[in-house]
Amino acid sequence: MEASIIKIGNSKGLRLPKTILDKYHIKDKVELILKNGYLIIKPVKTPRQGWEKAFEEMRRKEDDKLLIDDIFEDEIFEE
């Protein structure tokens, strides 16, 4: 696929077709990677995206219990 470089003010830009934006879930930002003479355009993913839904699912399945106690029997708190 070829894409044209277009003038945007004093700069130039690359216009991506809507189909590519939708297919790769590109929203507002991309990461540009220069590697072995190639320019790689990678969508920036939101950290922790989907965690709220995953935690709610864990709670619903009662799979949100601690794996280890958060207080150990041999801890000393009088220090």
N, C-alpha and C. Protein backbone atom coordinates (compact mmCIF):
# COMPACT_ATOMS: atom_id res chain seq x y z
N MET A 1 0.85 -1.17 0.00
CA MET A 1 0.00 0.00 0.00
C MET A 1 0.89 1.23 0.00
N GLU A 2 0.54 2.20 -0.79
CA GLU A 2 1.26 3.47 -0.82
C GLU A 2 0.40 4.53 -0.15
N ALA A 3 1.08 5.48 0.47
CA ALA A 3 0.39 6.62 1.08
C ALA A 3 1.20 7.87 0.75
N SER A 4 0.50 8.96 0.55
CA SER A 4 1.16 10.21 0.21
C SER A 4 1.51 11.00 1.46
N ILE A 5 2.63 11.71 1.40
CA ILE A 5 3.01 12.64 2.44
C ILE A 5 2.33 13.96 2.09
N ILE A 6 1.61 14.53 3.04
CA ILE A 6 0.86 15.76 2.77
C ILE A 6 1.40 16.91 3.61
N LYS A 7 1.18 18.13 3.14
CA LYS A 7 1.61 19.32 3.85
C LYS A 7 0.57 19.66 4.92
N ILE A 8 1.07 19.86 6.15
CA ILE A 8 0.22 20.28 7.27
C ILE A 8 0.91 21.47 7.91
N GLY A 9 0.46 22.68 7.56
CA GLY A 9 1.13 23.88 8.06
C GLY A 9 2.55 23.93 7.55
N ASN A 10 3.53 24.11 8.47
CA ASN A 10 4.94 24.12 8.08
C ASN A 10 5.54 22.72 8.09
N SER A 11 4.76 21.74 8.48
CA SER A 11 5.23 20.35 8.59
C SER A 11 4.64 19.50 7.48
N LYS A 12 4.95 18.25 7.53
CA LYS A 12 4.35 17.28 6.62
C LYS A 12 3.82 16.13 7.45
N GLY A 13 2.84 15.43 6.90
CA GLY A 13 2.23 14.34 7.65
C GLY A 13 1.86 13.18 6.74
N LEU A 14 1.50 12.11 7.36
CA LEU A 14 1.09 10.90 6.67
C LEU A 14 -0.38 10.66 7.01
N ARG A 15 -1.21 10.57 6.02
CA ARG A 15 -2.64 10.35 6.23
C ARG A 15 -2.90 8.85 6.15
N LEU A 16 -3.50 8.31 7.22
CA LEU A 16 -3.83 6.89 7.26
C LEU A 16 -5.31 6.69 6.96
N PRO A 17 -5.63 5.73 6.11
CA PRO A 17 -7.03 5.47 5.80
C PRO A 17 -7.81 5.00 7.03
N LYS A 18 -9.10 5.31 7.06
CA LYS A 18 -9.96 4.94 8.19
C LYS A 18 -9.96 3.43 8.41
N THR A 19 -9.88 2.66 7.35
CA THR A 19 -9.89 1.20 7.50
C THR A 19 -8.69 0.71 8.31
N ILE A 20 -7.53 1.33 8.11
CA ILE A 20 -6.34 0.96 8.88
C ILE A 20 -6.49 1.42 10.32
N LEU A 21 -6.98 2.64 10.52
CA LEU A 21 -7.19 3.15 11.88
C LEU A 21 -8.13 2.23 12.66
N ASP A 22 -9.20 1.80 12.02
CA ASP A 22 -10.16 0.91 12.69
C ASP A 22 -9.59 -0.48 12.93
N LYS A 23 -8.94 -1.03 11.93
CA LYS A 23 -8.41 -2.40 12.03
C LYS A 23 -7.38 -2.54 13.14
N TYR A 24 -6.52 -1.52 13.31
CA TYR A 24 -5.44 -1.60 14.30
C TYR A 24 -5.73 -0.79 15.55
N HIS A 25 -6.98 -0.34 15.69
CA HIS A 25 -7.43 0.38 16.89
C HIS A 25 -6.55 1.59 17.20
N ILE A 26 -6.22 2.35 16.18
CA ILE A 26 -5.41 3.55 16.35
C ILE A 26 -6.35 4.70 16.68
N LYS A 27 -6.11 5.34 17.82
CA LYS A 27 -6.98 6.43 18.26
C LYS A 27 -6.28 7.78 18.06
N ASP A 28 -5.57 8.24 19.09
CA ASP A 28 -4.97 9.58 19.05
C ASP A 28 -3.46 9.57 18.88
N LYS A 29 -2.79 8.51 19.33
CA LYS A 29 -1.34 8.48 19.31
C LYS A 29 -0.83 7.19 18.72
N VAL A 30 0.36 7.29 18.10
CA VAL A 30 1.06 6.11 17.60
C VAL A 30 2.51 6.20 18.06
N GLU A 31 3.16 5.07 18.12
CA GLU A 31 4.58 5.01 18.43
C GLU A 31 5.32 4.82 17.11
N LEU A 32 6.34 5.62 16.87
CA LEU A 32 7.14 5.50 15.65
C LEU A 32 8.43 4.79 16.00
N ILE A 33 8.72 3.69 15.32
CA ILE A 33 9.92 2.90 15.57
C ILE A 33 10.73 2.86 14.29
N LEU A 34 12.00 3.25 14.38
CA LEU A 34 12.90 3.16 13.24
C LEU A 34 13.78 1.93 13.45
N LYS A 35 13.67 0.94 12.53
CA LYS A 35 14.40 -0.31 12.72
C LYS A 35 14.83 -0.87 11.36
N ASN A 36 16.12 -1.07 11.22
CA ASN A 36 16.68 -1.67 10.01
C ASN A 36 16.22 -0.96 8.73
N GLY A 37 16.17 0.36 8.77
CA GLY A 37 15.79 1.13 7.59
C GLY A 37 14.30 1.21 7.34
N TYR A 38 13.49 0.70 8.28
CA TYR A 38 12.04 0.75 8.14
C TYR A 38 11.44 1.65 9.21
N LEU A 39 10.33 2.26 8.87
CA LEU A 39 9.55 3.03 9.84
C LEU A 39 8.34 2.18 10.21
N ILE A 40 8.22 1.85 11.48
CA ILE A 40 7.11 1.04 11.97
C ILE A 40 6.19 1.97 12.75
N ILE A 41 4.91 1.95 12.40
CA ILE A 41 3.90 2.74 13.09
C ILE A 41 3.09 1.77 13.94
N LYS A 42 3.16 1.98 15.25
CA LYS A 42 2.52 1.05 16.19
C LYS A 42 1.52 1.80 17.05
N PRO A 43 0.29 1.27 17.19
CA PRO A 43 -0.68 1.96 18.05
C PRO A 43 -0.21 1.99 19.50
N VAL A 44 -0.47 3.09 20.18
CA VAL A 44 -0.15 3.20 21.60
C VAL A 44 -1.33 2.63 22.37
N LYS A 45 -1.05 1.61 23.17
CA LYS A 45 -2.12 1.00 23.96
C LYS A 45 -2.20 1.68 25.31
N THR A 46 -3.41 1.80 25.79
CA THR A 46 -3.64 2.40 27.09
C THR A 46 -3.27 1.38 28.17
N PRO A 47 -2.34 1.75 29.08
CA PRO A 47 -2.00 0.81 30.15
C PRO A 47 -3.23 0.46 30.97
N ARG A 48 -3.30 -0.76 31.36
CA ARG A 48 -4.39 -1.26 32.21
C ARG A 48 -5.75 -1.22 31.53
N GLN A 49 -5.75 -1.13 30.22
CA GLN A 49 -7.01 -1.10 29.49
C GLN A 49 -7.73 -2.43 29.71
N GLY A 50 -8.99 -2.38 30.09
CA GLY A 50 -9.78 -3.57 30.30
C GLY A 50 -9.66 -4.18 31.69
N TRP A 51 -8.81 -3.60 32.54
CA TRP A 51 -8.62 -4.16 33.89
C TRP A 51 -9.91 -4.10 34.70
N GLU A 52 -10.66 -3.01 34.60
CA GLU A 52 -11.87 -2.86 35.40
C GLU A 52 -12.84 -3.99 35.09
N LYS A 53 -13.01 -4.28 33.82
CA LYS A 53 -13.91 -5.37 33.42
C LYS A 53 -13.38 -6.72 33.91
N ALA A 54 -12.06 -6.93 33.80
CA ALA A 54 -11.46 -8.19 34.24
C ALA A 54 -11.61 -8.36 35.75
N PHE A 55 -11.41 -7.28 36.51
CA PHE A 55 -11.56 -7.37 37.97
C PHE A 55 -13.01 -7.64 38.36
N GLU A 56 -13.94 -7.03 37.65
CA GLU A 56 -15.35 -7.28 37.94
C GLU A 56 -15.70 -8.75 37.66
N GLU A 57 -15.15 -9.29 36.58
CA GLU A 57 -15.37 -10.70 36.25
C GLU A 57 -14.77 -11.60 37.33
N MET A 58 -13.57 -11.26 37.81
CA MET A 58 -12.95 -12.03 38.90
C MET A 58 -13.82 -11.99 40.15
N ARG A 59 -14.36 -10.82 40.48
CA ARG A 59 -15.20 -10.69 41.66
C ARG A 59 -16.46 -11.53 41.51
N ARG A 60 -17.04 -11.50 40.32
CA ARG A 60 -18.26 -12.26 40.07
C ARG A 60 -18.02 -13.76 40.22
N LYS A 61 -16.84 -14.22 39.81
CA LYS A 61 -16.50 -15.64 39.92
C LYS A 61 -15.89 -15.99 41.27
N GLU A 62 -15.81 -14.98 42.17
CA GLU A 62 -15.18 -15.14 43.49
C GLU A 62 -13.74 -15.64 43.36
N ASP A 63 -13.05 -15.11 42.36
CA ASP A 63 -11.65 -15.47 42.12
C ASP A 63 -10.73 -14.30 42.49
N ASP A 64 -11.19 -13.46 43.42
CA ASP A 64 -10.42 -12.28 43.80
C ASP A 64 -9.89 -12.38 45.23
N LYS A 65 -9.63 -13.58 45.69
CA LYS A 65 -9.10 -13.79 47.04
C LYS A 65 -7.58 -13.64 47.04
N LEU A 66 -7.02 -13.26 48.20
CA LEU A 66 -5.57 -13.15 48.32
C LEU A 66 -4.93 -14.53 48.19
N LEU A 67 -3.80 -14.58 47.50
CA LEU A 67 -3.08 -15.85 47.37
C LEU A 67 -2.23 -16.13 48.60
N ILE A 68 -1.77 -15.07 49.26
CA ILE A 68 -1.02 -15.22 50.51
C ILE A 68 -1.60 -14.22 51.51
N ASP A 69 -1.45 -14.52 52.78
CA ASP A 69 -1.93 -13.59 53.81
C ASP A 69 -1.14 -12.30 53.73
N ASP A 70 -1.81 -11.18 53.95
CA ASP A 70 -1.09 -9.91 53.91
C ASP A 70 -0.43 -9.59 55.25
N ILE A 71 -0.70 -10.36 56.29
CA ILE A 71 -0.01 -10.25 57.57
C ILE A 71 0.50 -11.64 57.94
N PHE A 72 1.79 -11.71 58.24
CA PHE A 72 2.39 -12.99 58.59
C PHE A 72 2.44 -13.13 60.11
N GLU A 73 2.35 -14.36 60.60
CA GLU A 73 2.34 -14.61 62.04
C GLU A 73 3.61 -14.15 62.73
N ASP A 74 4.73 -14.16 62.05
CA ASP A 74 6.01 -13.81 62.68
C ASP A 74 6.37 -12.32 62.54
N GLU A 75 5.45 -11.49 62.06
CA GLU A 75 5.74 -10.07 61.93
C GLU A 75 5.70 -9.39 63.31
N ILE A 76 6.61 -8.44 63.51
CA ILE A 76 6.66 -7.70 64.75
C ILE A 76 6.29 -6.25 64.44
N PHE A 77 5.24 -5.75 65.09
CA PHE A 77 4.75 -4.41 64.81
C PHE A 77 5.18 -3.38 65.87
N GLU A 78 5.83 -3.80 66.94
CA GLU A 78 6.19 -2.90 68.03
C GLU A 78 7.50 -2.15 67.79
N GLU A 79 8.04 -2.14 66.60
CA GLU A 79 9.33 -1.49 66.34
C GLU A 79 9.16 -0.03 66.03
